[in-house]
Protein backbone atom coordinates (compact mmCIF):
# COMPACT_ATOMS: atom_id res chain seq x y z
CA UNK A 1 34.00 -140.11 176.65
CA UNK A 2 35.36 -138.33 179.74
CA UNK A 3 37.82 -135.49 179.97
CA UNK A 4 41.51 -136.35 180.04
CA UNK A 5 42.54 -133.08 181.72
CA UNK A 6 40.90 -131.15 184.53
CA UNK A 7 38.89 -128.11 183.53
CA UNK A 8 40.12 -124.63 184.35
CA UNK A 9 37.46 -124.42 187.05
CA UNK A 10 38.68 -127.70 188.58
CA UNK A 11 42.23 -126.37 188.55
CA UNK A 12 41.12 -123.20 190.36
CA UNK A 13 39.34 -125.31 192.99
CA UNK A 14 42.49 -127.36 193.45
CA UNK A 15 44.65 -124.26 193.90
CA UNK A 16 42.11 -122.75 196.27
CA UNK A 17 42.21 -125.91 198.42
CA UNK A 18 46.01 -125.90 198.44
CA UNK A 19 45.99 -122.30 199.71
CA UNK A 20 43.42 -122.83 202.50
CA UNK A 21 46.06 -123.12 205.26
CA UNK A 22 47.47 -119.77 204.12
CA UNK A 23 43.96 -118.25 204.04
CA UNK A 24 43.28 -119.40 207.60
CA UNK A 25 46.37 -117.45 208.72
CA UNK A 26 45.05 -114.19 207.28
CA UNK A 27 43.05 -111.59 209.20
CA UNK A 28 39.33 -111.63 208.48
CA UNK A 29 39.40 -108.52 206.25
CA UNK A 30 42.38 -110.00 204.36
CA UNK A 31 40.46 -113.24 203.83
CA UNK A 32 37.79 -111.22 202.02
CA UNK A 33 40.42 -110.00 199.53
CA UNK A 34 41.77 -113.52 199.17
CA UNK A 35 38.24 -114.81 198.43
CA UNK A 36 37.66 -111.98 195.97
CA UNK A 37 40.69 -113.11 193.94
CA UNK A 38 39.20 -116.57 193.58
CA UNK A 39 35.73 -115.24 192.76
CA UNK A 40 37.30 -113.29 189.90
CA UNK A 41 39.14 -116.42 188.77
CA UNK A 42 35.89 -118.42 188.77
CA UNK A 43 34.13 -115.66 186.82
CA UNK A 44 36.95 -115.68 184.30
CA UNK A 45 36.74 -119.47 184.04
CA UNK A 46 33.02 -119.13 183.37
CA UNK A 47 33.81 -116.82 180.49
CA UNK A 48 32.53 -113.61 182.06
CA UNK A 49 34.50 -110.54 181.05
CA UNK A 50 35.95 -108.50 183.87
CA UNK A 51 34.21 -105.17 184.25
CA UNK A 52 36.67 -102.39 183.33
CA UNK A 53 34.97 -100.11 185.87
CA UNK A 54 36.40 -102.33 188.60
CA UNK A 55 39.93 -102.19 187.18
CA UNK A 56 40.51 -98.48 187.75
CA UNK A 57 43.94 -97.35 188.88
CA UNK A 58 43.84 -94.25 191.09
CA UNK A 59 47.04 -92.24 191.44
CA UNK A 60 47.66 -88.98 193.26
CA UNK A 61 49.88 -86.88 191.04
CA UNK A 62 52.99 -85.33 192.53
CA UNK A 63 53.62 -82.80 189.75
CA UNK A 64 51.84 -80.98 186.98
CA UNK A 65 51.64 -82.83 183.65
CA UNK A 66 54.43 -80.80 182.03
CA UNK A 67 56.89 -81.42 184.90
CA UNK A 68 57.20 -85.19 184.41
CA UNK A 69 60.41 -86.17 182.58
CA UNK A 70 59.60 -89.86 181.98
CA UNK A 71 56.66 -91.26 180.04
CA UNK A 72 54.46 -93.48 182.22
CA UNK A 73 50.86 -94.53 182.59
CA UNK A 74 50.38 -91.56 184.92
CA UNK A 75 51.66 -89.11 182.32
CA UNK A 76 49.49 -90.79 179.68
CA UNK A 77 46.45 -90.34 181.94
CA UNK A 78 47.33 -86.69 182.60
CA UNK A 79 47.78 -86.07 178.87
CA UNK A 80 44.42 -87.71 178.16
CA UNK A 81 42.78 -85.62 180.88
CA UNK A 82 44.20 -82.49 179.29
CA UNK A 83 42.85 -83.47 175.87
CA UNK A 84 39.31 -84.04 177.17
CA UNK A 85 39.47 -80.78 179.14
CA UNK A 86 39.75 -82.35 182.57
CA UNK A 87 42.97 -80.75 183.83
CA UNK A 88 44.68 -82.10 186.90
CA UNK A 89 47.17 -80.27 189.12
CA UNK A 90 49.85 -81.58 191.44
CA UNK A 91 48.30 -83.29 194.45
CA UNK A 92 45.08 -84.26 192.68
CA UNK A 93 44.12 -87.85 191.96
CA UNK A 94 43.44 -89.28 188.54
CA UNK A 95 41.68 -92.58 187.91
CA UNK A 96 42.15 -94.60 184.77
CA UNK A 97 41.97 -98.07 183.24
CA UNK A 98 44.97 -99.41 181.35
CA UNK A 99 43.59 -100.04 177.85
CA UNK A 100 46.63 -101.04 175.77
CA UNK A 101 50.24 -100.72 176.92
CA UNK A 102 51.46 -101.21 173.34
CA UNK A 103 49.54 -98.20 171.97
CA UNK A 104 50.67 -94.60 171.65
CA UNK A 105 50.99 -93.04 175.13
CA UNK A 106 47.71 -91.11 175.04
CA UNK A 107 45.86 -94.29 173.97
CA UNK A 108 47.41 -96.54 176.63
CA UNK A 109 44.80 -95.50 179.18
CA UNK A 110 41.16 -94.52 179.37
CA UNK A 111 40.01 -92.26 182.15
CA UNK A 112 37.27 -93.62 184.38
CA UNK A 113 35.05 -90.68 183.42
CA UNK A 114 35.21 -91.95 179.82
CA UNK A 115 33.47 -95.20 180.88
CA UNK A 116 36.05 -97.53 179.29
CA UNK A 117 34.77 -100.79 177.84
CA UNK A 118 38.11 -102.52 177.21
CA UNK A 119 41.30 -103.13 179.15
CA UNK A 120 44.75 -104.68 178.68
CA UNK A 121 44.53 -108.17 180.23
CA UNK A 122 48.30 -108.69 180.11
CA UNK A 123 48.93 -105.56 182.18
CA UNK A 124 46.47 -106.68 184.86
CA UNK A 125 47.78 -110.27 184.82
CA UNK A 126 51.28 -108.91 185.46
CA UNK A 127 50.01 -106.72 188.28
CA UNK A 128 48.16 -109.70 189.79
CA UNK A 129 51.35 -111.79 189.72
CA UNK A 130 53.29 -108.96 191.38
CA UNK A 131 50.64 -108.66 194.09
CA UNK A 132 50.62 -112.42 194.70
CA UNK A 133 54.41 -112.48 195.07
CA UNK A 134 54.32 -109.61 197.56
CA UNK A 135 51.72 -111.49 199.64
CA UNK A 136 53.58 -114.83 199.74
CA UNK A 137 57.18 -113.56 199.81
CA UNK A 138 57.25 -113.40 203.66
CA UNK A 139 56.57 -117.15 203.56
CA UNK A 140 59.75 -117.75 201.55
CA UNK A 141 58.26 -117.78 198.07
CA UNK A 142 59.76 -115.85 195.18
CA UNK A 143 58.29 -114.92 191.80
CA UNK A 144 59.69 -117.95 189.97
CA UNK A 145 58.60 -120.35 192.71
CA UNK A 146 55.08 -118.97 192.63
CA UNK A 147 54.89 -119.15 188.84
CA UNK A 148 56.24 -122.70 188.85
CA UNK A 149 53.61 -123.69 191.41
CA UNK A 150 50.74 -122.02 189.58
CA UNK A 151 51.69 -123.30 186.15
CA UNK A 152 53.05 -126.70 187.09
CA UNK A 153 51.97 -129.51 184.86
CA UNK A 154 50.64 -132.67 186.34
CA UNK A 155 49.64 -135.93 184.83
CA UNK A 156 45.93 -136.59 185.16
CA UNK A 157 44.99 -139.97 186.62
CA UNK A 158 41.68 -141.73 186.62
CA UNK A 159 41.59 -141.38 190.41
CA UNK A 160 41.48 -137.58 190.00
CA UNK A 161 37.90 -137.93 188.76
CA UNK A 162 36.60 -140.66 191.07
């Protein structure tokens, strides 16, 4: 018996085809980033786990750790660096992977030097959506419009598979 709904991989192919006119309007180096997004989506559809080494966030600090008034991922990374005896001063960069935004601040991130093996998929999904909106907003799209398009339901017909 055949499938009644398209597979995730088929859905990605469909979205990729819909976005081809947009891709053609990009500069060549931008097309490479566009293609990279879809290669990650295909890998995810195939069940491959994203490599946390490739998810590193690099931030140049503007202050010393003790000078920050608000708790953030940056301050969590600076605190973690201090604990593992890797101090950072104002103006230096720190690279980390977001491990769990619901954890205690020091456990929200793992520094790249710690070779993290897990990450917070919800954090990165949110960041991906923000990036997508910033790319398509000059074309008149907003966050809700993009989400509606990406998550729209459609009725599968026999002709979809023939």
